[in-house]
Amino acid sequence: MPAFAGSPAVGQILQTLTDINNRLDNIENSLATIQTRQNMTLIQLSNSSASRHAPLRFPAGLNVTNLPATPGQLMVFSSKLFLYQF
């Protein structure tokens, strides 16, 4: 076994590498969140500029059978949810 294998410097290097790895994981998670929010913003902008009778856009893969289909239905749906909260 080399003499430097148990030295404090190796422990510090390992700790630094662990810290860097954790920071990279945090950055990766942040980028995924940003990408998701960016995709949702495009959908939200499209939905907000649509007329009350235009179909809403939802993310791919979302089961929309029980969701409102138009902005008008969404307003009614949202107002009912708001009333039930109180």
N, C-alpha and C. Protein backbone atom coordinates (compact mmCIF):
# COMPACT_ATOMS: atom_id res chain seq x y z
N MET A 1 0.85 -1.18 0.00
CA MET A 1 0.00 0.00 0.00
C MET A 1 0.89 1.23 0.00
N PRO A 2 0.65 2.18 -0.90
CA PRO A 2 1.46 3.40 -0.93
C PRO A 2 1.31 4.20 0.35
N ALA A 3 2.34 4.94 0.69
CA ALA A 3 2.34 5.71 1.93
C ALA A 3 1.31 6.83 1.91
N PHE A 4 0.96 7.35 0.74
CA PHE A 4 0.04 8.49 0.68
C PHE A 4 -1.43 8.07 0.71
N ALA A 5 -1.74 6.78 0.64
CA ALA A 5 -3.13 6.32 0.53
C ALA A 5 -3.96 6.70 1.76
N GLY A 6 -3.37 6.74 2.92
CA GLY A 6 -4.12 7.07 4.12
C GLY A 6 -3.91 8.49 4.58
N SER A 7 -3.27 9.30 3.79
CA SER A 7 -2.96 10.66 4.22
C SER A 7 -4.20 11.54 4.21
N PRO A 8 -4.18 12.60 5.01
CA PRO A 8 -5.32 13.52 5.06
C PRO A 8 -5.60 14.19 3.71
N ALA A 9 -4.58 14.37 2.89
CA ALA A 9 -4.77 15.02 1.59
C ALA A 9 -5.70 14.19 0.70
N VAL A 10 -5.57 12.87 0.74
CA VAL A 10 -6.44 12.01 -0.06
C VAL A 10 -7.88 12.12 0.42
N GLY A 11 -8.05 12.16 1.72
CA GLY A 11 -9.40 12.33 2.28
C GLY A 11 -10.02 13.66 1.85
N GLN A 12 -9.21 14.70 1.83
CA GLN A 12 -9.71 16.01 1.40
C GLN A 12 -10.08 15.99 -0.08
N ILE A 13 -9.28 15.32 -0.88
CA ILE A 13 -9.57 15.23 -2.31
C ILE A 13 -10.87 14.46 -2.52
N LEU A 14 -11.05 13.36 -1.80
CA LEU A 14 -12.28 12.58 -1.93
C LEU A 14 -13.49 13.41 -1.50
N GLN A 15 -13.34 14.18 -0.44
CA GLN A 15 -14.44 15.04 0.02
C GLN A 15 -14.76 16.11 -1.02
N THR A 16 -13.72 16.68 -1.61
CA THR A 16 -13.92 17.69 -2.65
C THR A 16 -14.63 17.09 -3.86
N LEU A 17 -14.22 15.89 -4.26
CA LEU A 17 -14.87 15.23 -5.39
C LEU A 17 -16.34 14.92 -5.08
N THR A 18 -16.62 14.52 -3.85
CA THR A 18 -18.00 14.26 -3.45
C THR A 18 -18.81 15.55 -3.49
N ASP A 19 -18.23 16.64 -3.01
CA ASP A 19 -18.92 17.94 -3.05
C ASP A 19 -19.20 18.38 -4.49
N ILE A 20 -18.22 18.20 -5.35
CA ILE A 20 -18.40 18.57 -6.76
C ILE A 20 -19.49 17.72 -7.39
N ASN A 21 -19.50 16.43 -7.09
CA ASN A 21 -20.52 15.54 -7.63
C ASN A 21 -21.91 15.96 -7.15
N ASN A 22 -22.03 16.32 -5.88
CA ASN A 22 -23.32 16.77 -5.35
C ASN A 22 -23.77 18.06 -6.02
N ARG A 23 -22.83 18.97 -6.25
CA ARG A 23 -23.17 20.23 -6.93
C ARG A 23 -23.63 19.98 -8.36
N LEU A 24 -22.95 19.06 -9.04
CA LEU A 24 -23.35 18.73 -10.41
C LEU A 24 -24.75 18.10 -10.44
N ASP A 25 -25.05 17.26 -9.45
CA ASP A 25 -26.40 16.69 -9.35
C ASP A 25 -27.44 17.79 -9.16
N ASN A 26 -27.12 18.77 -8.30
CA ASN A 26 -28.04 19.89 -8.09
C ASN A 26 -28.24 20.70 -9.37
N ILE A 27 -27.17 20.93 -10.10
CA ILE A 27 -27.27 21.67 -11.35
C ILE A 27 -28.11 20.89 -12.36
N GLU A 28 -27.90 19.58 -12.43
CA GLU A 28 -28.67 18.75 -13.35
C GLU A 28 -30.16 18.81 -13.01
N ASN A 29 -30.49 18.72 -11.72
CA ASN A 29 -31.89 18.81 -11.29
C ASN A 29 -32.47 20.18 -11.61
N SER A 30 -31.68 21.22 -11.41
CA SER A 30 -32.14 22.58 -11.71
C SER A 30 -32.42 22.75 -13.19
N LEU A 31 -31.54 22.21 -14.02
CA LEU A 31 -31.75 22.31 -15.47
C LEU A 31 -32.99 21.55 -15.91
N ALA A 32 -33.24 20.39 -15.30
CA ALA A 32 -34.45 19.64 -15.63
C ALA A 32 -35.69 20.43 -15.24
N THR A 33 -35.65 21.08 -14.08
CA THR A 33 -36.78 21.90 -13.63
C THR A 33 -37.00 23.08 -14.58
N ILE A 34 -35.92 23.72 -14.98
CA ILE A 34 -36.02 24.85 -15.90
C ILE A 34 -36.62 24.40 -17.23
N GLN A 35 -36.17 23.27 -17.74
CA GLN A 35 -36.70 22.77 -19.01
C GLN A 35 -38.19 22.45 -18.90
N THR A 36 -38.59 21.83 -17.81
CA THR A 36 -40.01 21.52 -17.61
C THR A 36 -40.83 22.80 -17.54
N ARG A 37 -40.35 23.78 -16.78
CA ARG A 37 -41.08 25.05 -16.67
C ARG A 37 -41.13 25.78 -18.01
N GLN A 38 -40.06 25.70 -18.78
CA GLN A 38 -40.04 26.35 -20.09
C GLN A 38 -41.07 25.70 -21.01
N ASN A 39 -41.15 24.38 -21.00
CA ASN A 39 -42.15 23.69 -21.82
C ASN A 39 -43.56 24.04 -21.38
N MET A 40 -43.78 24.12 -20.07
CA MET A 40 -45.11 24.45 -19.56
C MET A 40 -45.46 25.90 -19.88
N THR A 41 -44.48 26.79 -19.91
CA THR A 41 -44.75 28.20 -20.23
C THR A 41 -45.31 28.34 -21.64
N LEU A 42 -44.75 27.58 -22.58
CA LEU A 42 -45.27 27.62 -23.95
C LEU A 42 -46.73 27.18 -23.99
N ILE A 43 -47.06 26.14 -23.25
CA ILE A 43 -48.45 25.66 -23.21
C ILE A 43 -49.34 26.70 -22.53
N GLN A 44 -48.86 27.27 -21.43
CA GLN A 44 -49.66 28.26 -20.71
C GLN A 44 -49.90 29.50 -21.57
N LEU A 45 -48.88 29.95 -22.30
CA LEU A 45 -49.05 31.11 -23.17
C LEU A 45 -50.06 30.81 -24.28
N SER A 46 -49.98 29.62 -24.83
CA SER A 46 -50.94 29.25 -25.87
C SER A 46 -52.35 29.21 -25.31
N ASN A 47 -52.51 28.63 -24.12
CA ASN A 47 -53.83 28.53 -23.51
C ASN A 47 -54.38 29.90 -23.12
N SER A 48 -53.51 30.79 -22.65
CA SER A 48 -54.00 32.10 -22.20
C SER A 48 -54.41 33.00 -23.37
N SER A 49 -53.81 32.78 -24.53
CA SER A 49 -54.15 33.62 -25.67
C SER A 49 -55.30 33.04 -26.50
N ALA A 50 -55.77 31.85 -26.15
CA ALA A 50 -56.85 31.21 -26.91
C ALA A 50 -58.20 31.79 -26.49
N SER A 51 -59.17 31.65 -27.36
CA SER A 51 -60.52 32.11 -27.03
C SER A 51 -61.14 31.16 -26.00
N ARG A 52 -62.27 31.57 -25.45
CA ARG A 52 -62.93 30.75 -24.42
C ARG A 52 -63.36 29.38 -24.95
N HIS A 53 -63.49 29.24 -26.27
CA HIS A 53 -63.99 28.00 -26.84
C HIS A 53 -62.92 27.18 -27.55
N ALA A 54 -61.70 27.69 -27.58
CA ALA A 54 -60.61 26.95 -28.22
C ALA A 54 -60.17 25.81 -27.31
N PRO A 55 -59.72 24.71 -27.88
CA PRO A 55 -59.28 23.59 -27.03
C PRO A 55 -58.00 23.95 -26.28
N LEU A 56 -57.92 23.50 -25.03
CA LEU A 56 -56.71 23.70 -24.24
C LEU A 56 -55.63 22.74 -24.70
N ARG A 57 -54.38 23.14 -24.52
CA ARG A 57 -53.24 22.26 -24.78
C ARG A 57 -52.74 21.73 -23.46
N PHE A 58 -52.41 20.46 -23.42
CA PHE A 58 -51.87 19.82 -22.23
C PHE A 58 -50.56 19.13 -22.59
N PRO A 59 -49.69 18.88 -21.59
CA PRO A 59 -48.44 18.16 -21.87
C PRO A 59 -48.72 16.77 -22.43
N ALA A 60 -47.82 16.30 -23.28
CA ALA A 60 -47.97 14.97 -23.86
C ALA A 60 -47.97 13.91 -22.76
N GLY A 61 -48.80 12.90 -22.93
CA GLY A 61 -48.86 11.80 -21.98
C GLY A 61 -49.79 12.02 -20.81
N LEU A 62 -50.40 13.18 -20.70
CA LEU A 62 -51.29 13.48 -19.59
C LEU A 62 -52.69 12.98 -19.92
N ASN A 63 -53.30 12.25 -18.98
CA ASN A 63 -54.66 11.76 -19.17
C ASN A 63 -55.61 12.94 -18.97
N VAL A 64 -56.26 13.37 -20.04
CA VAL A 64 -57.08 14.59 -20.00
C VAL A 64 -58.57 14.30 -20.00
N THR A 65 -58.96 13.06 -19.77
CA THR A 65 -60.38 12.73 -19.87
C THR A 65 -61.23 13.46 -18.84
N ASN A 66 -60.70 13.72 -17.65
CA ASN A 66 -61.47 14.39 -16.61
C ASN A 66 -61.11 15.87 -16.44
N LEU A 67 -60.32 16.40 -17.36
CA LEU A 67 -59.90 17.79 -17.27
C LEU A 67 -60.75 18.66 -18.19
N PRO A 68 -60.87 19.95 -17.87
CA PRO A 68 -61.62 20.86 -18.74
C PRO A 68 -60.98 20.93 -20.13
N ALA A 69 -61.82 21.07 -21.14
CA ALA A 69 -61.33 21.05 -22.52
C ALA A 69 -61.08 22.45 -23.08
N THR A 70 -61.72 23.48 -22.53
CA THR A 70 -61.59 24.84 -23.06
C THR A 70 -61.27 25.80 -21.93
N PRO A 71 -60.76 27.00 -22.25
CA PRO A 71 -60.51 28.00 -21.20
C PRO A 71 -61.77 28.35 -20.41
N GLY A 72 -62.92 28.40 -21.08
CA GLY A 72 -64.17 28.69 -20.37
C GLY A 72 -64.49 27.63 -19.35
N GLN A 73 -64.34 26.36 -19.73
CA GLN A 73 -64.58 25.27 -18.78
C GLN A 73 -63.56 25.29 -17.65
N LEU A 74 -62.33 25.68 -17.97
CA LEU A 74 -61.29 25.77 -16.94
C LEU A 74 -61.63 26.84 -15.91
N MET A 75 -62.17 27.97 -16.35
CA MET A 75 -62.55 29.03 -15.41
C MET A 75 -63.65 28.55 -14.48
N VAL A 76 -64.63 27.84 -15.01
CA VAL A 76 -65.70 27.29 -14.17
C VAL A 76 -65.13 26.26 -13.21
N PHE A 77 -64.28 25.38 -13.72
CA PHE A 77 -63.65 24.34 -12.91
C PHE A 77 -62.81 24.97 -11.79
N SER A 78 -62.01 25.99 -12.13
CA SER A 78 -61.15 26.65 -11.14
C SER A 78 -61.97 27.39 -10.09
N SER A 79 -63.04 28.03 -10.50
CA SER A 79 -63.85 28.77 -9.53
C SER A 79 -64.53 27.81 -8.57
N LYS A 80 -64.93 26.63 -9.03
CA LYS A 80 -65.52 25.64 -8.13
C LYS A 80 -64.48 25.14 -7.14
N LEU A 81 -63.26 24.91 -7.61
CA LEU A 81 -62.20 24.48 -6.70
C LEU A 81 -61.92 25.56 -5.66
N PHE A 82 -61.91 26.82 -6.09
CA PHE A 82 -61.66 27.93 -5.17
C PHE A 82 -62.75 27.99 -4.10
N LEU A 83 -64.00 27.80 -4.49
CA LEU A 83 -65.10 27.87 -3.53
C LEU A 83 -65.05 26.72 -2.54
N TYR A 84 -64.61 25.55 -2.98
CA TYR A 84 -64.57 24.39 -2.09
C TYR A 84 -63.43 24.47 -1.08
N GLN A 85 -62.46 25.34 -1.30
CA GLN A 85 -61.35 25.47 -0.37
C GLN A 85 -61.77 26.17 0.92
N PHE A 86 -62.84 26.95 0.88
CA PHE A 86 -63.21 27.73 2.05
C PHE A 86 -64.45 27.21 2.70
